C-alpha atoms as a PDB file:
ATOM      1  CA  UNK A   1      54.152  61.797 -14.923  1.00  0.00           C
ATOM      2  CA  UNK A   2      50.398  61.574 -14.468  1.00  0.00           C
ATOM      3  CA  UNK A   3      48.647  60.785 -11.186  1.00  0.00           C
ATOM      4  CA  UNK A   4      47.969  57.248 -12.400  1.00  0.00           C
ATOM      5  CA  UNK A   5      51.610  56.731 -13.324  1.00  0.00           C
ATOM      6  CA  UNK A   6      52.734  57.921  -9.892  1.00  0.00           C
ATOM      7  CA  UNK A   7      50.286  55.499  -8.280  1.00  0.00           C
ATOM      8  CA  UNK A   8      51.546  52.627 -10.450  1.00  0.00           C
ATOM      9  CA  UNK A   9      55.137  53.491  -9.522  1.00  0.00           C
ATOM     10  CA  UNK A  10      54.179  53.430  -5.839  1.00  0.00           C
ATOM     11  CA  UNK A  11      52.685  49.937  -6.163  1.00  0.00           C
ATOM     12  CA  UNK A  12      55.718  48.692  -8.099  1.00  0.00           C
ATOM     13  CA  UNK A  13      58.108  49.991  -5.430  1.00  0.00           C
ATOM     14  CA  UNK A  14      55.945  48.551  -2.639  1.00  0.00           C
ATOM     15  CA  UNK A  15      55.989  45.095  -4.201  1.00  0.00           C
ATOM     16  CA  UNK A  16      59.736  45.213  -4.751  1.00  0.00           C
ATOM     17  CA  UNK A  17      60.321  46.126  -1.081  1.00  0.00           C
ATOM     18  CA  UNK A  18      57.735  43.713   0.366  1.00  0.00           C
ATOM     19  CA  UNK A  19      59.232  41.620   3.181  1.00  0.00           C
ATOM     20  CA  UNK A  20      57.401  38.572   1.817  1.00  0.00           C
ATOM     21  CA  UNK A  21      59.430  38.721  -1.393  1.00  0.00           C
ATOM     22  CA  UNK A  22      58.156  39.406  -4.902  1.00  0.00           C
ATOM     23  CA  UNK A  23      57.366  35.745  -5.663  1.00  0.00           C
ATOM     24  CA  UNK A  24      54.982  35.457  -2.726  1.00  0.00           C
ATOM     25  CA  UNK A  25      53.330  38.757  -3.629  1.00  0.00           C
ATOM     26  CA  UNK A  26      52.810  37.448  -7.164  1.00  0.00           C
ATOM     27  CA  UNK A  27      51.133  34.325  -5.762  1.00  0.00           C
ATOM     28  CA  UNK A  28      48.951  36.551  -3.590  1.00  0.00           C
ATOM     29  CA  UNK A  29      47.781  38.430  -6.688  1.00  0.00           C
ATOM     30  CA  UNK A  30      47.163  35.159  -8.530  1.00  0.00           C
ATOM     31  CA  UNK A  31      44.887  34.047  -5.685  1.00  0.00           C
ATOM     32  CA  UNK A  32      42.978  37.325  -5.944  1.00  0.00           C
ATOM     33  CA  UNK A  33      42.492  36.706  -9.672  1.00  0.00           C
ATOM     34  CA  UNK A  34      41.199  33.167  -9.089  1.00  0.00           C
ATOM     35  CA  UNK A  35      38.818  34.451  -6.420  1.00  0.00           C
ATOM     36  CA  UNK A  36      37.513  37.086  -8.832  1.00  0.00           C
ATOM     37  CA  UNK A  37      37.023  34.581 -11.653  1.00  0.00           C
ATOM     38  CA  UNK A  38      34.828  32.393  -9.414  1.00  0.00           C
ATOM     39  CA  UNK A  39      32.438  35.228  -8.576  1.00  0.00           C
ATOM     40  CA  UNK A  40      29.033  35.597 -10.170  1.00  0.00           C
ATOM     41  CA  UNK A  41      28.114  38.672 -12.220  1.00  0.00           C
ATOM     42  CA  UNK A  42      27.007  40.703  -9.202  1.00  0.00           C
ATOM     43  CA  UNK A  43      30.093  39.703  -7.238  1.00  0.00           C
ATOM     44  CA  UNK A  44      32.363  40.780 -10.079  1.00  0.00           C
ATOM     45  CA  UNK A  45      30.637  44.161 -10.283  1.00  0.00           C
ATOM     46  CA  UNK A  46      31.212  44.746  -6.557  1.00  0.00           C
ATOM     47  CA  UNK A  47      34.791  43.437  -6.525  1.00  0.00           C
ATOM     48  CA  UNK A  48      37.556  46.042  -6.144  1.00  0.00           C
ATOM     49  CA  UNK A  49      39.406  45.288  -9.373  1.00  0.00           C
ATOM     50  CA  UNK A  50      42.473  47.200  -8.173  1.00  0.00           C
ATOM     51  CA  UNK A  51      43.162  44.108  -6.048  1.00  0.00           C
ATOM     52  CA  UNK A  52      44.043  42.192  -9.217  1.00  0.00           C
ATOM     53  CA  UNK A  53      47.199  44.269  -9.710  1.00  0.00           C
ATOM     54  CA  UNK A  54      47.727  46.038  -6.367  1.00  0.00           C
ATOM     55  CA  UNK A  55      48.055  43.833  -3.248  1.00  0.00           C
ATOM     56  CA  UNK A  56      47.772  46.828  -0.906  1.00  0.00           C
ATOM     57  CA  UNK A  57      44.164  47.832  -0.243  1.00  0.00           C
ATOM     58  CA  UNK A  58      45.286  50.918   1.700  1.00  0.00           C
ATOM     59  CA  UNK A  59      47.129  52.440  -1.274  1.00  0.00           C
ATOM     60  CA  UNK A  60      44.759  53.977  -3.802  1.00  0.00           C
ATOM     61  CA  UNK A  61      44.037  56.831  -6.179  1.00  0.00           C
ATOM     62  CA  UNK A  62      41.336  58.803  -4.366  1.00  0.00           C
ATOM     63  CA  UNK A  63      40.846  61.678  -6.825  1.00  0.00           C
ATOM     64  CA  UNK A  64      42.140  61.892 -10.401  1.00  0.00           C
ATOM     65  CA  UNK A  65      40.405  64.675 -12.288  1.00  0.00           C
ATOM     66  CA  UNK A  66      41.884  63.676 -15.651  1.00  0.00           C
ATOM     67  CA  UNK A  67      41.431  59.909 -15.292  1.00  0.00           C
ATOM     68  CA  UNK A  68      38.916  59.652 -18.135  1.00  0.00           C
ATOM     69  CA  UNK A  69      40.749  61.954 -20.533  1.00  0.00           C
ATOM     70  CA  UNK A  70      42.934  60.761 -23.393  1.00  0.00           C
ATOM     71  CA  UNK A  71      46.628  60.238 -22.688  1.00  0.00           C
ATOM     72  CA  UNK A  72      47.568  63.494 -24.428  1.00  0.00           C
ATOM     73  CA  UNK A  73      45.164  65.500 -22.266  1.00  0.00           C
ATOM     74  CA  UNK A  74      45.996  63.985 -18.872  1.00  0.00           C
ATOM     75  CA  UNK A  75      47.427  66.390 -16.315  1.00  0.00           C
ATOM     76  CA  UNK A  76      51.194  66.202 -15.915  1.00  0.00           C
ATOM     77  CA  UNK A  77      52.221  66.391 -12.265  1.00  0.00           C
ATOM     78  CA  UNK A  78      54.886  68.991 -11.599  1.00  0.00           C
ATOM     79  CA  UNK A  79      54.290  69.829  -7.929  1.00  0.00           C
ATOM     80  CA  UNK A  80      53.366  67.393  -5.159  1.00  0.00           C
ATOM     81  CA  UNK A  81      52.415  68.301  -1.606  1.00  0.00           C
ATOM     82  CA  UNK A  82      52.974  65.265   0.629  1.00  0.00           C
ATOM     83  CA  UNK A  83      52.427  64.512   4.304  1.00  0.00           C
ATOM     84  CA  UNK A  84      51.493  61.894   6.841  1.00  0.00           C
ATOM     85  CA  UNK A  85      47.867  62.938   7.428  1.00  0.00           C
ATOM     86  CA  UNK A  86      46.369  65.044   4.648  1.00  0.00           C
ATOM     87  CA  UNK A  87      42.927  66.278   5.627  1.00  0.00           C
ATOM     88  CA  UNK A  88      40.976  69.526   5.394  1.00  0.00           C
ATOM     89  CA  UNK A  89      43.586  72.029   6.640  1.00  0.00           C
ATOM     90  CA  UNK A  90      46.416  70.369   4.717  1.00  0.00           C
ATOM     91  CA  UNK A  91      44.344  70.207   1.524  1.00  0.00           C
ATOM     92  CA  UNK A  92      43.512  73.908   1.775  1.00  0.00           C
ATOM     93  CA  UNK A  93      47.209  74.667   2.168  1.00  0.00           C
ATOM     94  CA  UNK A  94      48.072  72.404  -0.755  1.00  0.00           C
ATOM     95  CA  UNK A  95      45.577  74.252  -2.953  1.00  0.00           C
ATOM     96  CA  UNK A  96      47.089  77.580  -1.886  1.00  0.00           C
ATOM     97  CA  UNK A  97      50.582  76.278  -2.683  1.00  0.00           C
ATOM     98  CA  UNK A  98      49.490  75.335  -6.200  1.00  0.00           C
ATOM     99  CA  UNK A  99      49.799  71.576  -5.857  1.00  0.00           C
ATOM    100  CA  UNK A 100      48.998  69.343  -8.828  1.00  0.00           C
ATOM    101  CA  UNK A 101      48.748  66.306  -6.572  1.00  0.00           C
ATOM    102  CA  UNK A 102      48.412  65.644  -2.844  1.00  0.00           C
ATOM    103  CA  UNK A 103      49.981  62.468  -1.460  1.00  0.00           C
ATOM    104  CA  UNK A 104      48.903  61.288   1.974  1.00  0.00           C
ATOM    105  CA  UNK A 105      50.628  58.480   3.799  1.00  0.00           C
ATOM    106  CA  UNK A 106      47.744  57.411   6.019  1.00  0.00           C
ATOM    107  CA  UNK A 107      44.775  56.112   4.061  1.00  0.00           C
ATOM    108  CA  UNK A 108      41.578  58.040   3.370  1.00  0.00           C
ATOM    109  CA  UNK A 109      38.365  57.183   1.551  1.00  0.00           C
ATOM    110  CA  UNK A 110      38.002  53.660   0.208  1.00  0.00           C
ATOM    111  CA  UNK A 111      41.609  52.904   1.186  1.00  0.00           C
ATOM    112  CA  UNK A 112      40.792  53.576   4.832  1.00  0.00           C
ATOM    113  CA  UNK A 113      37.539  51.618   4.650  1.00  0.00           C
ATOM    114  CA  UNK A 114      39.475  48.565   3.436  1.00  0.00           C
ATOM    115  CA  UNK A 115      42.583  48.965   5.608  1.00  0.00           C
ATOM    116  CA  UNK A 116      41.986  45.632   7.331  1.00  0.00           C
ATOM    117  CA  UNK A 117      42.397  43.701   4.070  1.00  0.00           C
ATOM    118  CA  UNK A 118      46.135  44.331   3.952  1.00  0.00           C
ATOM    119  CA  UNK A 119      46.753  42.851   7.406  1.00  0.00           C
ATOM    120  CA  UNK A 120      47.193  39.295   6.162  1.00  0.00           C
ATOM    121  CA  UNK A 121      50.642  40.485   5.079  1.00  0.00           C
ATOM    122  CA  UNK A 122      51.613  40.296   8.758  1.00  0.00           C
ATOM    123  CA  UNK A 123      50.944  36.562   8.966  1.00  0.00           C
ATOM    124  CA  UNK A 124      53.128  35.844   5.934  1.00  0.00           C
ATOM    125  CA  UNK A 125      55.989  37.966   7.301  1.00  0.00           C
ATOM    126  CA  UNK A 126      55.801  36.240  10.692  1.00  0.00           C
ATOM    127  CA  UNK A 127      55.879  32.870   8.940  1.00  0.00           C
ATOM    128  CA  UNK A 128      59.178  33.876   7.356  1.00  0.00           C
ATOM    129  CA  UNK A 129      60.428  34.747  10.848  1.00  0.00           C
ATOM    130  CA  UNK A 130      59.616  31.230  12.070  1.00  0.00           C
ATOM    131  CA  UNK A 131      56.017  31.363  13.316  1.00  0.00           C
ATOM    132  CA  UNK A 132      54.084  28.511  11.632  1.00  0.00           C
ATOM    133  CA  UNK A 133      51.809  30.027   8.994  1.00  0.00           C
ATOM    134  CA  UNK A 134      48.706  28.185  10.242  1.00  0.00           C
ATOM    135  CA  UNK A 135      49.221  29.651  13.710  1.00  0.00           C
ATOM    136  CA  UNK A 136      50.019  33.141  12.435  1.00  0.00           C
ATOM    137  CA  UNK A 137      46.896  33.195  10.254  1.00  0.00           C
ATOM    138  CA  UNK A 138      44.706  31.819  13.032  1.00  0.00           C
ATOM    139  CA  UNK A 139      45.871  34.442  15.512  1.00  0.00           C
ATOM    140  CA  UNK A 140      45.666  37.404  13.118  1.00  0.00           C
ATOM    141  CA  UNK A 141      42.151  36.720  11.734  1.00  0.00           C
ATOM    142  CA  UNK A 142      40.191  37.867  14.815  1.00  0.00           C
ATOM    143  CA  UNK A 143      42.306  41.043  14.893  1.00  0.00           C
ATOM    144  CA  UNK A 144      41.540  41.719  11.214  1.00  0.00           C
ATOM    145  CA  UNK A 145      37.810  41.454  11.983  1.00  0.00           C
ATOM    146  CA  UNK A 146      38.244  43.747  14.988  1.00  0.00           C
ATOM    147  CA  UNK A 147      39.972  46.401  12.877  1.00  0.00           C
ATOM    148  CA  UNK A 148      37.274  46.105  10.198  1.00  0.00           C
ATOM    149  CA  UNK A 149      34.526  46.714  12.759  1.00  0.00           C
ATOM    150  CA  UNK A 150      36.455  49.594  14.312  1.00  0.00           C
ATOM    151  CA  UNK A 151      36.940  51.380  10.979  1.00  0.00           C
ATOM    152  CA  UNK A 152      33.396  50.777   9.778  1.00  0.00           C
ATOM    153  CA  UNK A 153      31.690  53.855  11.343  1.00  0.00           C
ATOM    154  CA  UNK A 154      34.378  56.362  10.319  1.00  0.00           C
ATOM    155  CA  UNK A 155      33.538  59.184   7.888  1.00  0.00           C
ATOM    156  CA  UNK A 156      35.888  57.714   5.277  1.00  0.00           C
ATOM    157  CA  UNK A 157      35.299  60.160   2.424  1.00  0.00           C
ATOM    158  CA  UNK A 158      35.515  63.440   4.328  1.00  0.00           C
ATOM    159  CA  UNK A 159      38.989  64.405   3.086  1.00  0.00           C
ATOM    160  CA  UNK A 160      38.332  62.913  -0.362  1.00  0.00           C
ATOM    161  CA  UNK A 161      35.310  65.186  -0.842  1.00  0.00           C
ATOM    162  CA  UNK A 162      37.435  68.111   0.314  1.00  0.00           C
ATOM    163  CA  UNK A 163      40.069  67.350  -2.348  1.00  0.00           C
ATOM    164  CA  UNK A 164      37.486  66.858  -5.080  1.00  0.00           C
ATOM    165  CA  UNK A 165      35.839  70.240  -4.428  1.00  0.00           C
ATOM    166  CA  UNK A 166      39.264  71.913  -4.399  1.00  0.00           C
ATOM    167  CA  UNK A 167      40.032  70.138  -7.707  1.00  0.00           C
ATOM    168  CA  UNK A 168      43.119  68.488  -6.220  1.00  0.00           C
ATOM    169  CA  UNK A 169      44.296  65.074  -7.349  1.00  0.00           C
ATOM    170  CA  UNK A 170      44.708  62.909  -4.246  1.00  0.00           C
ATOM    171  CA  UNK A 171      46.346  59.556  -3.544  1.00  0.00           C
ATOM    172  CA  UNK A 172      47.410  57.686  -0.404  1.00  0.00           C
ATOM    173  CA  UNK A 173      50.486  55.495  -0.137  1.00  0.00           C
ATOM    174  CA  UNK A 174      50.303  53.555   3.121  1.00  0.00           C
ATOM    175  CA  UNK A 175      51.635  50.002   3.044  1.00  0.00           C
ATOM    176  CA  UNK A 176      53.838  50.695   0.024  1.00  0.00           C
ATOM    177  CA  UNK A 177      55.768  53.314   2.020  1.00  0.00           C
ATOM    178  CA  UNK A 178      55.807  51.144   5.141  1.00  0.00           C
ATOM    179  CA  UNK A 179      57.260  48.320   3.032  1.00  0.00           C
ATOM    180  CA  UNK A 180      60.030  50.620   1.826  1.00  0.00           C
ATOM    181  CA  UNK A 181      60.826  51.669   5.396  1.00  0.00           C
ATOM    182  CA  UNK A 182      60.733  48.123   6.777  1.00  0.00           C
ATOM    183  CA  UNK A 183      62.939  46.833   3.971  1.00  0.00           C
ATOM    184  CA  UNK A 184      65.456  49.645   4.573  1.00  0.00           C
ATOM    185  CA  UNK A 185      65.638  48.807   8.293  1.00  0.00           C
ATOM    186  CA  UNK A 186      65.951  45.077   7.621  1.00  0.00           C
ATOM    187  CA  UNK A 187      68.956  45.726   5.378  1.00  0.00           C
ATOM    188  CA  UNK A 188      70.562  48.005   7.975  1.00  0.00           C
ATOM    189  CA  UNK A 189      70.174  45.365  10.677  1.00  0.00           C
ATOM    190  CA  UNK A 190      71.549  42.628   8.425  1.00  0.00           C
ATOM    191  CA  UNK A 191      74.547  44.779   7.586  1.00  0.00           C
ATOM    192  CA  UNK A 192      75.343  45.952  11.123  1.00  0.00           C
ATOM    193  CA  UNK A 193      74.478  42.770  13.053  1.00  0.00           C
ATOM    194  CA  UNK A 194      73.448  44.161  16.475  1.00  0.00           C
ATOM    195  CA  UNK A 195      74.311  42.064  19.497  1.00  0.00           C
ATOM    196  CA  UNK A 196      72.417  43.974  22.188  1.00  0.00           C
ATOM    197  CA  UNK A 197      69.164  45.913  22.410  1.00  0.00           C
ATOM    198  CA  UNK A 198      71.290  49.022  22.863  1.00  0.00           C
ATOM    199  CA  UNK A 199      72.947  48.283  19.513  1.00  0.00           C
ATOM    200  CA  UNK A 200      69.494  48.206  17.895  1.00  0.00           C
ATOM    201  CA  UNK A 201      68.686  51.623  19.354  1.00  0.00           C
ATOM    202  CA  UNK A 202      72.014  53.011  18.141  1.00  0.00           C
ATOM    203  CA  UNK A 203      71.404  51.748  14.604  1.00  0.00           C
ATOM    204  CA  UNK A 204      68.007  53.459  14.515  1.00  0.00           C
ATOM    205  CA  UNK A 205      69.301  56.735  15.949  1.00  0.00           C
ATOM    206  CA  UNK A 206      71.946  56.931  13.228  1.00  0.00           C
ATOM    207  CA  UNK A 207      69.235  57.054  10.536  1.00  0.00           C
ATOM    208  CA  UNK A 208      68.465  60.730   9.731  1.00  0.00           C
ATOM    209  CA  UNK A 209      64.686  60.571  10.196  1.00  0.00           C
ATOM    210  CA  UNK A 210      65.037  59.010  13.651  1.00  0.00           C
ATOM    211  CA  UNK A 211      67.934  61.258  14.577  1.00  0.00           C
ATOM    212  CA  UNK A 212      65.768  64.275  13.775  1.00  0.00           C
ATOM    213  CA  UNK A 213      62.827  62.801  15.715  1.00  0.00           C
ATOM    214  CA  UNK A 214      65.027  62.647  18.819  1.00  0.00           C
ATOM    215  CA  UNK A 215      65.131  66.459  18.682  1.00  0.00           C
ATOM    216  CA  UNK A 216      61.313  66.435  18.815  1.00  0.00           C
ATOM    217  CA  UNK A 217      61.319  64.030  21.804  1.00  0.00           C
ATOM    218  CA  UNK A 218      59.748  61.451  19.512  1.00  0.00           C
ATOM    219  CA  UNK A 219      62.728  59.290  18.629  1.00  0.00           C
ATOM    220  CA  UNK A 220      63.431  55.574  19.146  1.00  0.00           C
ATOM    221  CA  UNK A 221      62.459  54.305  22.603  1.00  0.00           C
ATOM    222  CA  UNK A 222      62.918  51.087  24.524  1.00  0.00           C
ATOM    223  CA  UNK A 223      59.461  49.827  25.518  1.00  0.00           C
ATOM    224  CA  UNK A 224      60.476  46.425  26.929  1.00  0.00           C
ATOM    225  CA  UNK A 225      63.872  45.157  28.030  1.00  0.00           C
ATOM    226  CA  UNK A 226      67.232  46.650  28.919  1.00  0.00           C
ATOM    227  CA  UNK A 227      69.874  48.170  26.601  1.00  0.00           C
ATOM    228  CA  UNK A 228      72.370  45.567  27.827  1.00  0.00           C
ATOM    229  CA  UNK A 229      70.075  42.645  26.963  1.00  0.00           C
ATOM    230  CA  UNK A 230      71.185  40.373  24.159  1.00  0.00           C
ATOM    231  CA  UNK A 231      68.860  41.135  21.287  1.00  0.00           C
ATOM    232  CA  UNK A 232      68.780  37.604  19.899  1.00  0.00           C
ATOM    233  CA  UNK A 233      66.771  37.261  16.696  1.00  0.00           C
ATOM    234  CA  UNK A 234      65.626  40.759  15.672  1.00  0.00           C
ATOM    235  CA  UNK A 235      62.500  41.178  13.542  1.00  0.00           C
ATOM    236  CA  UNK A 236      60.712  44.106  11.936  1.00  0.00           C
ATOM    237  CA  UNK A 237      57.066  43.830  12.979  1.00  0.00           C
ATOM    238  CA  UNK A 238      54.413  46.347  13.968  1.00  0.00           C
ATOM    239  CA  UNK A 239      55.847  48.254  11.003  1.00  0.00           C
ATOM    240  CA  UNK A 240      53.925  47.277   7.893  1.00  0.00           C
ATOM    241  CA  UNK A 241      50.682  45.518   7.122  1.00  0.00           C
ATOM    242  CA  UNK A 242      48.029  48.104   7.946  1.00  0.00           C
ATOM    243  CA  UNK A 243      47.998  48.516  11.716  1.00  0.00           C
ATOM    244  CA  UNK A 244      48.949  46.752  14.949  1.00  0.00           C
ATOM    245  CA  UNK A 245      48.463  42.998  14.883  1.00  0.00           C
ATOM    246  CA  UNK A 246      47.067  40.670  17.537  1.00  0.00           C
ATOM    247  CA  UNK A 247      48.552  40.888  21.023  1.00  0.00           C
ATOM    248  CA  UNK A 248      48.258  37.091  21.289  1.00  0.00           C
ATOM    249  CA  UNK A 249      50.980  36.787  18.654  1.00  0.00           C
ATOM    250  CA  UNK A 250      53.823  37.561  21.081  1.00  0.00           C
ATOM    251  CA  UNK A 251      53.620  34.159  22.734  1.00  0.00           C
ATOM    252  CA  UNK A 252      53.967  32.501  19.325  1.00  0.00           C
ATOM    253  CA  UNK A 253      56.835  34.814  18.393  1.00  0.00           C
ATOM    254  CA  UNK A 254      58.681  33.927  21.595  1.00  0.00           C
ATOM    255  CA  UNK A 255      58.216  30.228  20.865  1.00  0.00           C
ATOM    256  CA  UNK A 256      59.670  30.835  17.378  1.00  0.00           C
ATOM    257  CA  UNK A 257      62.867  32.174  18.943  1.00  0.00           C
ATOM    258  CA  UNK A 258      62.310  35.870  18.318  1.00  0.00           C
ATOM    259  CA  UNK A 259      64.232  37.971  20.856  1.00  0.00           C
ATOM    260  CA  UNK A 260      63.627  41.581  19.844  1.00  0.00           C
ATOM    261  CA  UNK A 261      60.871  43.410  17.971  1.00  0.00           C
ATOM    262  CA  UNK A 262      61.433  46.686  16.174  1.00  0.00           C
ATOM    263  CA  UNK A 263      58.143  48.444  15.492  1.00  0.00           C
ATOM    264  CA  UNK A 264      56.630  51.854  14.802  1.00  0.00           C
ATOM    265  CA  UNK A 265      54.306  52.058  17.778  1.00  0.00           C
ATOM    266  CA  UNK A 266      52.718  49.786  20.363  1.00  0.00           C
ATOM    267  CA  UNK A 267      49.703  49.954  22.644  1.00  0.00           C
ATOM    268  CA  UNK A 268      49.937  49.171  26.348  1.00  0.00           C
ATOM    269  CA  UNK A 269      48.153  45.804  26.146  1.00  0.00           C
ATOM    270  CA  UNK A 270      50.509  44.695  23.391  1.00  0.00           C
ATOM    271  CA  UNK A 271      53.514  45.921  25.387  1.00  0.00           C
ATOM    272  CA  UNK A 272      52.474  43.910  28.442  1.00  0.00           C
ATOM    273  CA  UNK A 273      52.095  40.748  26.360  1.00  0.00           C
ATOM    274  CA  UNK A 274      55.528  41.186  24.814  1.00  0.00           C
ATOM    275  CA  UNK A 275      57.038  41.712  28.275  1.00  0.00           C
ATOM    276  CA  UNK A 276      55.202  38.670  29.608  1.00  0.00           C
ATOM    277  CA  UNK A 277      56.876  36.525  26.962  1.00  0.00           C
ATOM    278  CA  UNK A 278      60.350  38.028  27.443  1.00  0.00           C
ATOM    279  CA  UNK A 279      60.556  39.821  24.089  1.00  0.00           C
ATOM    280  CA  UNK A 280      62.542  43.063  23.924  1.00  0.00           C
ATOM    281  CA  UNK A 281      60.652  45.859  22.201  1.00  0.00           C
ATOM    282  CA  UNK A 282      62.271  48.823  20.470  1.00  0.00           C
ATOM    283  CA  UNK A 283      59.767  51.385  19.196  1.00  0.00           C
ATOM    284  CA  UNK A 284      61.237  53.517  16.438  1.00  0.00           C
ATOM    285  CA  UNK A 285      58.593  56.238  16.559  1.00  0.00           C
ATOM    286  CA  UNK A 286      55.499  56.593  14.403  1.00  0.00           C
ATOM    287  CA  UNK A 287      56.086  59.798  12.430  1.00  0.00           C
ATOM    288  CA  UNK A 288      59.789  59.113  11.932  1.00  0.00           C
ATOM    289  CA  UNK A 289      59.048  55.589  10.677  1.00  0.00           C
ATOM    290  CA  UNK A 290      56.329  56.809   8.325  1.00  0.00           C
ATOM    291  CA  UNK A 291      58.677  59.531   7.108  1.00  0.00           C
ATOM    292  CA  UNK A 292      61.427  57.034   6.276  1.00  0.00           C
ATOM    293  CA  UNK A 293      59.200  55.073   3.917  1.00  0.00           C
ATOM    294  CA  UNK A 294      57.620  58.161   2.385  1.00  0.00           C
ATOM    295  CA  UNK A 295      61.031  59.727   1.773  1.00  0.00           C
ATOM    296  CA  UNK A 296      62.255  56.675  -0.120  1.00  0.00           C
ATOM    297  CA  UNK A 297      59.191  56.957  -2.369  1.00  0.00           C
ATOM    298  CA  UNK A 298      59.298  60.739  -2.761  1.00  0.00           C
ATOM    299  CA  UNK A 299      62.961  60.585  -3.777  1.00  0.00           C
ATOM    300  CA  UNK A 300      61.853  58.543  -6.788  1.00  0.00           C
ATOM    301  CA  UNK A 301      59.469  61.347  -7.789  1.00  0.00           C
ATOM    302  CA  UNK A 302      62.168  63.984  -7.421  1.00  0.00           C
ATOM    303  CA  UNK A 303      64.411  61.915  -9.687  1.00  0.00           C
ATOM    304  CA  UNK A 304      61.761  62.463 -12.359  1.00  0.00           C
ATOM    305  CA  UNK A 305      61.799  66.232 -11.898  1.00  0.00           C
ATOM    306  CA  UNK A 306      58.712  66.547  -9.690  1.00  0.00           C
ATOM    307  CA  UNK A 307      58.833  69.170  -6.934  1.00  0.00           C
ATOM    308  CA  UNK A 308      57.938  67.820  -3.484  1.00  0.00           C
ATOM    309  CA  UNK A 309      56.650  70.050  -0.678  1.00  0.00           C
ATOM    310  CA  UNK A 310      56.562  68.213   2.701  1.00  0.00           C
ATOM    311  CA  UNK A 311      54.159  68.994   5.540  1.00  0.00           C
ATOM    312  CA  UNK A 312      51.860  67.362   8.133  1.00  0.00           C
ATOM    313  CA  UNK A 313      54.533  65.678  10.235  1.00  0.00           C
ATOM    314  CA  UNK A 314      56.653  64.440   7.334  1.00  0.00           C
ATOM    315  CA  UNK A 315      60.338  64.652   8.300  1.00  0.00           C
ATOM    316  CA  UNK A 316      61.730  65.132   4.813  1.00  0.00           C
ATOM    317  CA  UNK A 317      65.180  63.647   4.290  1.00  0.00           C
ATOM    318  CA  UNK A 318      66.460  63.481   0.730  1.00  0.00           C
ATOM    319  CA  UNK A 319      68.717  60.615  -0.252  1.00  0.00           C
ATOM    320  CA  UNK A 320      68.627  61.880  -3.820  1.00  0.00           C
ATOM    321  CA  UNK A 321      70.137  65.162  -4.941  1.00  0.00           C
ATOM    322  CA  UNK A 322      69.499  66.877  -8.262  1.00  0.00           C
ATOM    323  CA  UNK A 323      72.114  65.843 -10.776  1.00  0.00           C
ATOM    324  CA  UNK A 324      72.638  62.377  -9.242  1.00  0.00           C
ATOM    325  CA  UNK A 325      71.874  59.313 -11.312  1.00  0.00           C
END
């Protein structure tokens, strides 16, 4: 596989696992196309055309040294070094290890600069959980603007320049991996039907990535509520869609009948709002959650004969073994 093919596979898997469902993602892409077609010449030149086929602005090819070469001359990826945060030290190590491609989970470069654009996914997911879409969109928009302003001054291309000088191909797979992880958890919860908050914790701790994180003192934790509390309607939020949403959303979630949130991480202000509105909060753990989604993606690469070397906080768990079909 080439770097571009790996990127295209990532997007395909992300769409398939999207909590909104593939039909809604397709409509989202159709809206992007209509928006592009209405732009003037200058607007079309500035438009990120990847958005016409990839609904996740935080998943991008950052460096592809053979992108402009003919198909027969493109580099075939045999060894991938993958991790959660891949910056200077990790890129130096990847070069030393002889990597053909570096895959970061957290976005860098233009993917980081446009992280906020993927957050509208959260409103659509919450609408499926019962929060009216007009309310979800209204509440999330100020938070999207806040995230945009917060990311604006960051040195986005620092790691990208590092990779380019080292002649390393470099991609980031953020929301696509988070979608895979969220979808996996949603299926586990549907299958096991927890009745209490404690049941939710037990389900998480049985998953290998979270079980391993417990050994690091970074496993699933109860942020709000009591293990004996009835969990009520359990939803996967704070898990995919860029970064943490608006703290004002918890009131709307409570009104929609949501009893328990399962998320990756949560700030103190958000925690207080959830508690105020009587919502139980189970935090799965950031690195373990990121690892779950990345592992589901990396397994697909190993199925194609690509060697994967994990580092930078990635808790590698293989659900695919050589020889399996």
